[in-house]
Amino acid sequence: MHAPLTPLTSPGRLRLIDPAALNGALPARRVVGFETAWARHADEVAEAQRLRHRVFVEELGARPRVPPGTPAGHEADLFDAHCEHLLLRPRHDDGSCGPVVGTYRVLTAAAARRTGGFCSDTAFDLTRLRPLRARMAELGRACVAPQWRAGFAVGALWGALAEFMPGHGVETVIGCASLGLRDGGHAAASLWERLRAGHLAPIEHHVQPRIALPVEALSHQLAVETPALLRAYLRCGARLLGPPAWDTDFQTADLPLMLRLADLQPRWRRLPAAR
């Protein structure tokens, strides 16, 4: 219930303003930066899951299978309970923060042992990475709300990740770069064929997809621009681990990637986390 309007009739009297009566006249808060934080409560994880639903399901058309009991409008899986969830919020000039506009999740080696493996184990045979697993972490479910993708949001997320990894004994990071299949997979096959020439990891680290995208049956001749996030990963020093897997839930081609933190370019090591 709104407070009644009280006219100002003498000095010292207070007028209680009904916000609805201002018709948008309240001064707009200005975004002055970002704040990153690791989720500590279930409701914070739920914020990340709602953002993931908006991006992966509503925007990109994914149809993931979610655990029983998952609320409508949330994208979730069985790994979420074992992951660390990084949250990004815009910070306003009055000191307040807005809703979650970016997220990553991290599955550490210790958490992977508790849950039976990495999420990537379900899509790839990671046998050749066994010597690295004790100090390996997996990044996943990365997304940023559309209106923030052209700014510094991703850099703010990466700054927080760069602080997290050494403090948790992580030497190697794995993950996937997902490519849409709306053209039937031809662009993904062409991109794989082009990138493998200069960005493939040594053979001792190659992995095999459990459900492979049939790249040999697809065109390799398309002039495909490397997606911005994948391009940034490769510039950091990430390497492709093998051909793409076909994710039948998200309808994407998933390129497996690995980054040894020792290979990380110096400018990315110095990237500060947002506060």
C-alpha atoms as a PDB file:
ATOM      1  CA  MET A   1       0.000   0.000   0.000  1.00  0.00           C
ATOM      2  CA  HIS A   2       1.314   3.456  -0.904  1.00  0.00           C
ATOM      3  CA  ALA A   3       1.602   6.187   1.718  1.00  0.00           C
ATOM      4  CA  PRO A   4      -0.864   9.046   1.162  1.00  0.00           C
ATOM      5  CA  LEU A   5       0.406  12.238  -0.407  1.00  0.00           C
ATOM      6  CA  THR A   6       1.014  14.905   2.226  1.00  0.00           C
ATOM      7  CA  PRO A   7       1.177  18.471   0.860  1.00  0.00           C
ATOM      8  CA  LEU A   8       4.097  20.611   1.976  1.00  0.00           C
ATOM      9  CA  THR A   9       2.427  23.536   3.760  1.00  0.00           C
ATOM     10  CA  SER A  10       5.158  24.831   6.064  1.00  0.00           C
ATOM     11  CA  PRO A  11       8.923  24.575   6.535  1.00  0.00           C
ATOM     12  CA  GLY A  12       9.931  21.308   8.153  1.00  0.00           C
ATOM     13  CA  ARG A  13       6.876  19.353   7.031  1.00  0.00           C
ATOM     14  CA  LEU A  14       7.716  16.173   5.122  1.00  0.00           C
ATOM     15  CA  ARG A  15       5.952  15.237   1.912  1.00  0.00           C
ATOM     16  CA  LEU A  16       5.672  11.486   1.297  1.00  0.00           C
ATOM     17  CA  ILE A  17       5.850  10.952  -2.434  1.00  0.00           C
ATOM     18  CA  ASP A  18       3.910   8.180  -4.135  1.00  0.00           C
ATOM     19  CA  PRO A  19       6.465   6.741  -6.640  1.00  0.00           C
ATOM     20  CA  ALA A  20       3.639   5.838  -9.032  1.00  0.00           C
ATOM     21  CA  ALA A  21       2.686   9.517  -9.287  1.00  0.00           C
ATOM     22  CA  LEU A  22       6.091  10.553 -10.578  1.00  0.00           C
ATOM     23  CA  ASN A  23       5.625   8.853 -13.960  1.00  0.00           C
ATOM     24  CA  GLY A  24       9.285   7.963 -14.276  1.00  0.00           C
ATOM     25  CA  ALA A  25      10.613  11.235 -12.880  1.00  0.00           C
ATOM     26  CA  LEU A  26      12.915   9.509 -10.354  1.00  0.00           C
ATOM     27  CA  PRO A  27      16.556  10.041 -11.317  1.00  0.00           C
ATOM     28  CA  ALA A  28      17.981   7.065 -13.186  1.00  0.00           C
ATOM     29  CA  ARG A  29      20.833   5.188 -11.561  1.00  0.00           C
ATOM     30  CA  ARG A  30      23.965   5.048 -13.676  1.00  0.00           C
ATOM     31  CA  VAL A  31      26.005   1.869 -14.082  1.00  0.00           C
ATOM     32  CA  VAL A  32      29.609   2.608 -13.102  1.00  0.00           C
ATOM     33  CA  GLY A  33      31.117  -0.872 -13.112  1.00  0.00           C
ATOM     34  CA  PHE A  34      30.553  -4.485 -12.188  1.00  0.00           C
ATOM     35  CA  GLU A  35      30.678  -6.559  -9.045  1.00  0.00           C
ATOM     36  CA  THR A  36      31.631 -10.233  -9.030  1.00  0.00           C
ATOM     37  CA  ALA A  37      30.861 -12.651  -6.224  1.00  0.00           C
ATOM     38  CA  TRP A  38      30.691 -16.397  -5.663  1.00  0.00           C
ATOM     39  CA  ALA A  39      27.228 -17.692  -4.826  1.00  0.00           C
ATOM     40  CA  ARG A  40      26.883 -18.704  -1.189  1.00  0.00           C
ATOM     41  CA  HIS A  41      23.161 -19.415  -0.970  1.00  0.00           C
ATOM     42  CA  ALA A  42      20.651 -21.423  -2.985  1.00  0.00           C
ATOM     43  CA  ASP A  43      18.762 -18.297  -4.032  1.00  0.00           C
ATOM     44  CA  GLU A  44      21.947 -16.901  -5.592  1.00  0.00           C
ATOM     45  CA  VAL A  45      22.476 -20.103  -7.571  1.00  0.00           C
ATOM     46  CA  ALA A  46      18.845 -19.816  -8.660  1.00  0.00           C
ATOM     47  CA  GLU A  47      19.585 -16.338 -10.060  1.00  0.00           C
ATOM     48  CA  ALA A  48      22.316 -17.827 -12.232  1.00  0.00           C
ATOM     49  CA  GLN A  49      19.983 -20.623 -13.329  1.00  0.00           C
ATOM     50  CA  ARG A  50      17.321 -18.107 -14.359  1.00  0.00           C
ATOM     51  CA  LEU A  51      19.850 -16.189 -16.440  1.00  0.00           C
ATOM     52  CA  ARG A  52      20.988 -19.449 -18.041  1.00  0.00           C
ATOM     53  CA  HIS A  53      17.374 -20.258 -18.907  1.00  0.00           C
ATOM     54  CA  ARG A  54      16.870 -16.876 -20.553  1.00  0.00           C
ATOM     55  CA  VAL A  55      20.038 -17.229 -22.624  1.00  0.00           C
ATOM     56  CA  PHE A  56      20.199 -20.946 -23.423  1.00  0.00           C
ATOM     57  CA  VAL A  57      16.506 -21.836 -23.613  1.00  0.00           C
ATOM     58  CA  GLU A  58      14.618 -18.667 -24.514  1.00  0.00           C
ATOM     59  CA  GLU A  59      17.268 -17.040 -26.710  1.00  0.00           C
ATOM     60  CA  LEU A  60      19.143 -19.988 -28.209  1.00  0.00           C
ATOM     61  CA  GLY A  61      16.398 -22.601 -28.229  1.00  0.00           C
ATOM     62  CA  ALA A  62      18.057 -25.292 -26.085  1.00  0.00           C
ATOM     63  CA  ARG A  63      15.878 -28.044 -24.658  1.00  0.00           C
ATOM     64  CA  PRO A  64      17.906 -29.371 -21.722  1.00  0.00           C
ATOM     65  CA  ARG A  65      16.650 -32.141 -19.475  1.00  0.00           C
ATOM     66  CA  VAL A  66      16.467 -30.699 -15.978  1.00  0.00           C
ATOM     67  CA  PRO A  67      16.308 -32.618 -12.676  1.00  0.00           C
ATOM     68  CA  PRO A  68      12.836 -33.357 -11.254  1.00  0.00           C
ATOM     69  CA  GLY A  69      11.567 -30.498  -9.128  1.00  0.00           C
ATOM     70  CA  THR A  70      13.452 -27.778 -11.030  1.00  0.00           C
ATOM     71  CA  PRO A  71      11.281 -24.627 -10.994  1.00  0.00           C
ATOM     72  CA  ALA A  72       9.972 -23.303 -14.284  1.00  0.00           C
ATOM     73  CA  GLY A  73      12.282 -20.740 -15.866  1.00  0.00           C
ATOM     74  CA  HIS A  74      15.473 -22.312 -14.448  1.00  0.00           C
ATOM     75  CA  GLU A  75      18.175 -24.159 -16.420  1.00  0.00           C
ATOM     76  CA  ALA A  76      19.771 -26.713 -14.100  1.00  0.00           C
ATOM     77  CA  ASP A  77      21.509 -30.066 -14.016  1.00  0.00           C
ATOM     78  CA  LEU A  78      22.823 -32.520 -11.449  1.00  0.00           C
ATOM     79  CA  PHE A  79      26.280 -30.905 -11.416  1.00  0.00           C
ATOM     80  CA  ASP A  80      25.033 -27.547 -10.147  1.00  0.00           C
ATOM     81  CA  ALA A  81      24.974 -28.638  -6.513  1.00  0.00           C
ATOM     82  CA  HIS A  82      28.682 -29.485  -6.671  1.00  0.00           C
ATOM     83  CA  CYS A  83      29.884 -26.379  -8.536  1.00  0.00           C
ATOM     84  CA  GLU A  84      31.069 -22.932  -7.542  1.00  0.00           C
ATOM     85  CA  HIS A  85      28.883 -20.330  -9.267  1.00  0.00           C
ATOM     86  CA  LEU A  86      30.397 -16.977 -10.228  1.00  0.00           C
ATOM     87  CA  LEU A  87      27.909 -14.120 -10.450  1.00  0.00           C
ATOM     88  CA  LEU A  88      28.294 -10.765 -12.196  1.00  0.00           C
ATOM     89  CA  ARG A  89      26.097  -7.774 -11.337  1.00  0.00           C
ATOM     90  CA  PRO A  90      26.162  -4.175 -12.614  1.00  0.00           C
ATOM     91  CA  ARG A  91      27.136  -1.663  -9.917  1.00  0.00           C
ATOM     92  CA  HIS A  92      25.292   1.659  -9.811  1.00  0.00           C
ATOM     93  CA  ASP A  93      26.557   5.101  -8.845  1.00  0.00           C
ATOM     94  CA  ASP A  94      24.541   4.981  -5.616  1.00  0.00           C
ATOM     95  CA  GLY A  95      26.437   1.879  -4.474  1.00  0.00           C
ATOM     96  CA  SER A  96      23.645  -0.592  -5.175  1.00  0.00           C
ATOM     97  CA  CYS A  97      23.928  -3.595  -7.505  1.00  0.00           C
ATOM     98  CA  GLY A  98      21.510  -4.855 -10.097  1.00  0.00           C
ATOM     99  CA  PRO A  99      20.439  -8.407 -10.932  1.00  0.00           C
ATOM    100  CA  VAL A 100      22.797 -11.116 -12.171  1.00  0.00           C
ATOM    101  CA  VAL A 101      23.789 -10.386 -15.791  1.00  0.00           C
ATOM    102  CA  GLY A 102      26.646 -12.866 -16.199  1.00  0.00           C
ATOM    103  CA  THR A 103      27.726 -16.199 -14.774  1.00  0.00           C
ATOM    104  CA  TYR A 104      30.261 -19.011 -14.965  1.00  0.00           C
ATOM    105  CA  ARG A 105      30.313 -22.193 -12.988  1.00  0.00           C
ATOM    106  CA  VAL A 106      33.446 -24.017 -11.871  1.00  0.00           C
ATOM    107  CA  LEU A 107      33.707 -27.705 -11.021  1.00  0.00           C
ATOM    108  CA  THR A 108      36.938 -28.376  -9.154  1.00  0.00           C
ATOM    109  CA  ALA A 109      38.781 -31.705  -9.146  1.00  0.00           C
ATOM    110  CA  ALA A 110      37.699 -32.424  -5.558  1.00  0.00           C
ATOM    111  CA  ALA A 111      34.054 -31.736  -6.394  1.00  0.00           C
ATOM    112  CA  ALA A 112      34.311 -33.854  -9.550  1.00  0.00           C
ATOM    113  CA  ARG A 113      35.521 -36.781  -7.471  1.00  0.00           C
ATOM    114  CA  ARG A 114      32.497 -36.421  -5.204  1.00  0.00           C
ATOM    115  CA  THR A 115      30.033 -36.312  -8.067  1.00  0.00           C
ATOM    116  CA  GLY A 116      31.671 -39.037 -10.163  1.00  0.00           C
ATOM    117  CA  GLY A 117      33.421 -36.939 -12.793  1.00  0.00           C
ATOM    118  CA  PHE A 118      33.371 -33.729 -14.767  1.00  0.00           C
ATOM    119  CA  CYS A 119      30.395 -32.711 -16.863  1.00  0.00           C
ATOM    120  CA  SER A 120      32.727 -33.026 -19.869  1.00  0.00           C
ATOM    121  CA  ASP A 121      33.106 -36.743 -19.085  1.00  0.00           C
ATOM    122  CA  THR A 122      29.544 -37.202 -20.315  1.00  0.00           C
ATOM    123  CA  ALA A 123      30.393 -35.712 -23.722  1.00  0.00           C
ATOM    124  CA  PHE A 124      34.002 -36.836 -24.224  1.00  0.00           C
ATOM    125  CA  ASP A 125      36.358 -39.664 -23.368  1.00  0.00           C
ATOM    126  CA  LEU A 126      38.879 -37.766 -21.232  1.00  0.00           C
ATOM    127  CA  THR A 127      41.186 -40.724 -20.628  1.00  0.00           C
ATOM    128  CA  ARG A 128      44.260 -38.929 -21.943  1.00  0.00           C
ATOM    129  CA  LEU A 129      43.763 -36.115 -19.438  1.00  0.00           C
ATOM    130  CA  ARG A 130      43.979 -38.472 -16.465  1.00  0.00           C
ATOM    131  CA  PRO A 131      47.498 -37.309 -15.432  1.00  0.00           C
ATOM    132  CA  LEU A 132      46.166 -33.726 -15.188  1.00  0.00           C
ATOM    133  CA  ARG A 133      42.917 -34.349 -13.322  1.00  0.00           C
ATOM    134  CA  ALA A 134      44.161 -33.822  -9.776  1.00  0.00           C
ATOM    135  CA  ARG A 135      44.841 -30.139 -10.510  1.00  0.00           C
ATOM    136  CA  MET A 136      42.188 -29.612 -13.173  1.00  0.00           C
ATOM    137  CA  ALA A 137      38.947 -27.627 -13.043  1.00  0.00           C
ATOM    138  CA  GLU A 138      36.094 -27.370 -15.488  1.00  0.00           C
ATOM    139  CA  LEU A 139      34.428 -24.151 -16.616  1.00  0.00           C
ATOM    140  CA  GLY A 140      30.892 -24.312 -17.918  1.00  0.00           C
ATOM    141  CA  ARG A 141      27.481 -22.712 -18.350  1.00  0.00           C
ATOM    142  CA  ALA A 142      29.073 -19.372 -19.207  1.00  0.00           C
ATOM    143  CA  CYS A 143      26.592 -16.734 -20.326  1.00  0.00           C
ATOM    144  CA  VAL A 144      26.061 -12.981 -20.290  1.00  0.00           C
ATOM    145  CA  ALA A 145      22.769 -11.151 -20.785  1.00  0.00           C
ATOM    146  CA  PRO A 146      22.512  -9.723 -24.330  1.00  0.00           C
ATOM    147  CA  GLN A 147      22.694  -6.038 -23.381  1.00  0.00           C
ATOM    148  CA  TRP A 148      26.064  -6.521 -21.623  1.00  0.00           C
ATOM    149  CA  ARG A 149      27.957  -8.573 -24.196  1.00  0.00           C
ATOM    150  CA  ALA A 150      29.653  -5.648 -25.916  1.00  0.00           C
ATOM    151  CA  GLY A 151      31.275  -4.223 -22.789  1.00  0.00           C
ATOM    152  CA  PHE A 152      33.646  -5.332 -20.077  1.00  0.00           C
ATOM    153  CA  ALA A 153      31.409  -7.989 -18.539  1.00  0.00           C
ATOM    154  CA  VAL A 154      33.392 -10.975 -19.785  1.00  0.00           C
ATOM    155  CA  GLY A 155      36.656  -9.365 -18.685  1.00  0.00           C
ATOM    156  CA  ALA A 156      35.239  -8.863 -15.195  1.00  0.00           C
ATOM    157  CA  LEU A 157      34.264 -12.533 -15.021  1.00  0.00           C
ATOM    158  CA  TRP A 158      37.688 -13.623 -16.217  1.00  0.00           C
ATOM    159  CA  GLY A 159      39.399 -11.445 -13.632  1.00  0.00           C
ATOM    160  CA  ALA A 160      37.520 -13.254 -10.854  1.00  0.00           C
ATOM    161  CA  LEU A 161      38.315 -16.646 -12.374  1.00  0.00           C
ATOM    162  CA  ALA A 162      42.013 -15.726 -12.633  1.00  0.00           C
ATOM    163  CA  GLU A 163      42.038 -15.050  -8.877  1.00  0.00           C
ATOM    164  CA  PHE A 164      40.124 -18.216  -8.026  1.00  0.00           C
ATOM    165  CA  MET A 165      42.214 -20.790  -9.889  1.00  0.00           C
ATOM    166  CA  PRO A 166      45.663 -20.419  -8.252  1.00  0.00           C
ATOM    167  CA  GLY A 167      44.113 -20.204  -4.800  1.00  0.00           C
ATOM    168  CA  HIS A 168      42.460 -23.596  -5.330  1.00  0.00           C
ATOM    169  CA  GLY A 169      45.509 -25.385  -6.707  1.00  0.00           C
ATOM    170  CA  VAL A 170      44.237 -25.385 -10.294  1.00  0.00           C
ATOM    171  CA  GLU A 171      46.842 -25.740 -13.035  1.00  0.00           C
ATOM    172  CA  THR A 172      44.632 -26.763 -15.964  1.00  0.00           C
ATOM    173  CA  VAL A 173      41.175 -25.625 -17.037  1.00  0.00           C
ATOM    174  CA  ILE A 174      38.921 -27.502 -19.445  1.00  0.00           C
ATOM    175  CA  GLY A 175      35.605 -26.585 -21.024  1.00  0.00           C
ATOM    176  CA  CYS A 176      33.743 -26.370 -24.303  1.00  0.00           C
ATOM    177  CA  ALA A 177      33.006 -23.701 -26.864  1.00  0.00           C
ATOM    178  CA  SER A 178      29.488 -24.310 -28.137  1.00  0.00           C
ATOM    179  CA  LEU A 179      28.479 -23.561 -31.730  1.00  0.00           C
ATOM    180  CA  GLY A 180      24.888 -23.464 -32.954  1.00  0.00           C
ATOM    181  CA  LEU A 181      23.602 -26.066 -35.414  1.00  0.00           C
ATOM    182  CA  ARG A 182      20.881 -24.085 -37.139  1.00  0.00           C
ATOM    183  CA  ASP A 183      22.643 -24.649 -40.482  1.00  0.00           C
ATOM    184  CA  GLY A 184      22.916 -28.380 -39.860  1.00  0.00           C
ATOM    185  CA  GLY A 185      26.491 -28.203 -38.574  1.00  0.00           C
ATOM    186  CA  HIS A 186      28.285 -26.985 -41.703  1.00  0.00           C
ATOM    187  CA  ALA A 187      29.640 -23.839 -40.039  1.00  0.00           C
ATOM    188  CA  ALA A 188      30.867 -25.819 -37.033  1.00  0.00           C
ATOM    189  CA  ALA A 189      32.617 -28.351 -39.282  1.00  0.00           C
ATOM    190  CA  SER A 190      34.244 -25.572 -41.314  1.00  0.00           C
ATOM    191  CA  LEU A 191      35.425 -23.795 -38.182  1.00  0.00           C
ATOM    192  CA  TRP A 192      36.887 -27.002 -36.738  1.00  0.00           C
ATOM    193  CA  GLU A 193      38.730 -27.716 -39.979  1.00  0.00           C
ATOM    194  CA  ARG A 194      40.242 -24.227 -40.032  1.00  0.00           C
ATOM    195  CA  LEU A 195      41.160 -23.932 -36.334  1.00  0.00           C
ATOM    196  CA  ARG A 196      42.659 -27.382 -35.927  1.00  0.00           C
ATOM    197  CA  ALA A 197      45.590 -26.371 -38.123  1.00  0.00           C
ATOM    198  CA  GLY A 198      46.936 -23.841 -35.636  1.00  0.00           C
ATOM    199  CA  HIS A 199      45.264 -24.478 -32.296  1.00  0.00           C
ATOM    200  CA  LEU A 200      45.233 -28.236 -31.715  1.00  0.00           C
ATOM    201  CA  ALA A 201      46.778 -29.540 -28.500  1.00  0.00           C
ATOM    202  CA  PRO A 202      49.543 -32.188 -28.561  1.00  0.00           C
ATOM    203  CA  ILE A 203      48.274 -35.681 -29.319  1.00  0.00           C
ATOM    204  CA  GLU A 204      48.812 -36.869 -25.732  1.00  0.00           C
ATOM    205  CA  HIS A 205      45.969 -34.563 -24.685  1.00  0.00           C
ATOM    206  CA  HIS A 206      43.467 -35.395 -27.421  1.00  0.00           C
ATOM    207  CA  VAL A 207      39.953 -36.474 -26.394  1.00  0.00           C
ATOM    208  CA  GLN A 208      37.202 -38.204 -28.348  1.00  0.00           C
ATOM    209  CA  PRO A 209      33.529 -37.205 -28.459  1.00  0.00           C
ATOM    210  CA  ARG A 210      31.019 -39.769 -27.260  1.00  0.00           C
ATOM    211  CA  ILE A 211      28.481 -38.527 -29.833  1.00  0.00           C
ATOM    212  CA  ALA A 212      30.517 -36.985 -32.624  1.00  0.00           C
ATOM    213  CA  LEU A 213      29.317 -34.288 -34.955  1.00  0.00           C
ATOM    214  CA  PRO A 214      29.664 -35.975 -38.394  1.00  0.00           C
ATOM    215  CA  VAL A 215      32.216 -33.451 -39.613  1.00  0.00           C
ATOM    216  CA  GLU A 216      33.415 -35.630 -42.506  1.00  0.00           C
ATOM    217  CA  ALA A 217      29.932 -35.545 -44.034  1.00  0.00           C
ATOM    218  CA  LEU A 218      29.594 -31.762 -43.706  1.00  0.00           C
ATOM    219  CA  SER A 219      30.973 -28.896 -45.734  1.00  0.00           C
ATOM    220  CA  HIS A 220      34.419 -27.619 -44.731  1.00  0.00           C
ATOM    221  CA  GLN A 221      34.463 -24.731 -47.162  1.00  0.00           C
ATOM    222  CA  LEU A 222      32.353 -22.088 -45.459  1.00  0.00           C
ATOM    223  CA  ALA A 223      34.005 -18.795 -44.556  1.00  0.00           C
ATOM    224  CA  VAL A 224      33.000 -18.747 -40.878  1.00  0.00           C
ATOM    225  CA  GLU A 225      34.019 -16.036 -38.444  1.00  0.00           C
ATOM    226  CA  THR A 226      35.343 -17.387 -35.157  1.00  0.00           C
ATOM    227  CA  PRO A 227      32.872 -16.499 -32.366  1.00  0.00           C
ATOM    228  CA  ALA A 228      34.182 -13.735 -30.132  1.00  0.00           C
ATOM    229  CA  LEU A 229      34.368 -15.817 -26.947  1.00  0.00           C
ATOM    230  CA  LEU A 230      36.154 -18.705 -28.665  1.00  0.00           C
ATOM    231  CA  ARG A 231      38.550 -16.245 -30.281  1.00  0.00           C
ATOM    232  CA  ALA A 232      39.313 -14.782 -26.858  1.00  0.00           C
ATOM    233  CA  TYR A 233      39.964 -18.240 -25.388  1.00  0.00           C
ATOM    234  CA  LEU A 234      42.420 -19.043 -28.159  1.00  0.00           C
ATOM    235  CA  ARG A 235      44.197 -15.717 -27.702  1.00  0.00           C
ATOM    236  CA  CYS A 236      44.617 -16.551 -24.015  1.00  0.00           C
ATOM    237  CA  GLY A 237      46.487 -19.706 -24.979  1.00  0.00           C
ATOM    238  CA  ALA A 238      43.700 -22.313 -24.964  1.00  0.00           C
ATOM    239  CA  ARG A 239      44.057 -25.340 -27.253  1.00  0.00           C
ATOM    240  CA  LEU A 240      41.498 -27.545 -28.967  1.00  0.00           C
ATOM    241  CA  LEU A 241      41.494 -31.109 -27.685  1.00  0.00           C
ATOM    242  CA  GLY A 242      39.732 -32.774 -30.590  1.00  0.00           C
ATOM    243  CA  PRO A 243      36.714 -32.702 -32.915  1.00  0.00           C
ATOM    244  CA  PRO A 244      33.348 -31.413 -31.741  1.00  0.00           C
ATOM    245  CA  ALA A 245      30.760 -33.440 -29.878  1.00  0.00           C
ATOM    246  CA  TRP A 246      27.087 -33.180 -30.763  1.00  0.00           C
ATOM    247  CA  ASP A 247      25.026 -31.985 -27.786  1.00  0.00           C
ATOM    248  CA  THR A 248      21.550 -33.256 -28.569  1.00  0.00           C
ATOM    249  CA  ASP A 249      19.916 -31.331 -25.677  1.00  0.00           C
ATOM    250  CA  PHE A 250      21.364 -27.926 -26.464  1.00  0.00           C
ATOM    251  CA  GLN A 251      21.613 -28.647 -30.215  1.00  0.00           C
ATOM    252  CA  THR A 252      25.183 -27.410 -30.357  1.00  0.00           C
ATOM    253  CA  ALA A 253      28.549 -28.597 -31.569  1.00  0.00           C
ATOM    254  CA  ASP A 254      30.854 -28.526 -28.554  1.00  0.00           C
ATOM    255  CA  LEU A 255      34.550 -27.965 -29.213  1.00  0.00           C
ATOM    256  CA  PRO A 256      36.643 -29.264 -26.273  1.00  0.00           C
ATOM    257  CA  LEU A 257      39.231 -26.797 -24.989  1.00  0.00           C
ATOM    258  CA  MET A 258      42.053 -26.877 -22.475  1.00  0.00           C
ATOM    259  CA  LEU A 259      44.101 -24.064 -20.991  1.00  0.00           C
ATOM    260  CA  ARG A 260      47.216 -24.674 -18.926  1.00  0.00           C
ATOM    261  CA  LEU A 261      47.509 -21.690 -16.613  1.00  0.00           C
ATOM    262  CA  ALA A 262      51.268 -21.694 -17.182  1.00  0.00           C
ATOM    263  CA  ASP A 263      50.497 -20.927 -20.853  1.00  0.00           C
ATOM    264  CA  LEU A 264      48.154 -18.047 -20.054  1.00  0.00           C
ATOM    265  CA  GLN A 265      49.241 -14.865 -21.746  1.00  0.00           C
ATOM    266  CA  PRO A 266      50.719 -12.391 -19.195  1.00  0.00           C
ATOM    267  CA  ARG A 267      48.169  -9.650 -19.904  1.00  0.00           C
ATOM    268  CA  TRP A 268      45.336 -12.003 -18.915  1.00  0.00           C
ATOM    269  CA  ARG A 269      47.075 -12.981 -15.685  1.00  0.00           C
ATOM    270  CA  ARG A 270      47.074  -9.344 -14.651  1.00  0.00           C
ATOM    271  CA  LEU A 271      43.370  -8.828 -15.428  1.00  0.00           C
ATOM    272  CA  PRO A 272      41.746  -7.526 -12.220  1.00  0.00           C
ATOM    273  CA  ALA A 273      38.507  -8.916 -10.899  1.00  0.00           C
ATOM    274  CA  ALA A 274      35.597  -6.508 -10.599  1.00  0.00           C
ATOM    275  CA  ARG A 275      34.623  -5.357  -7.155  1.00  0.00           C
END
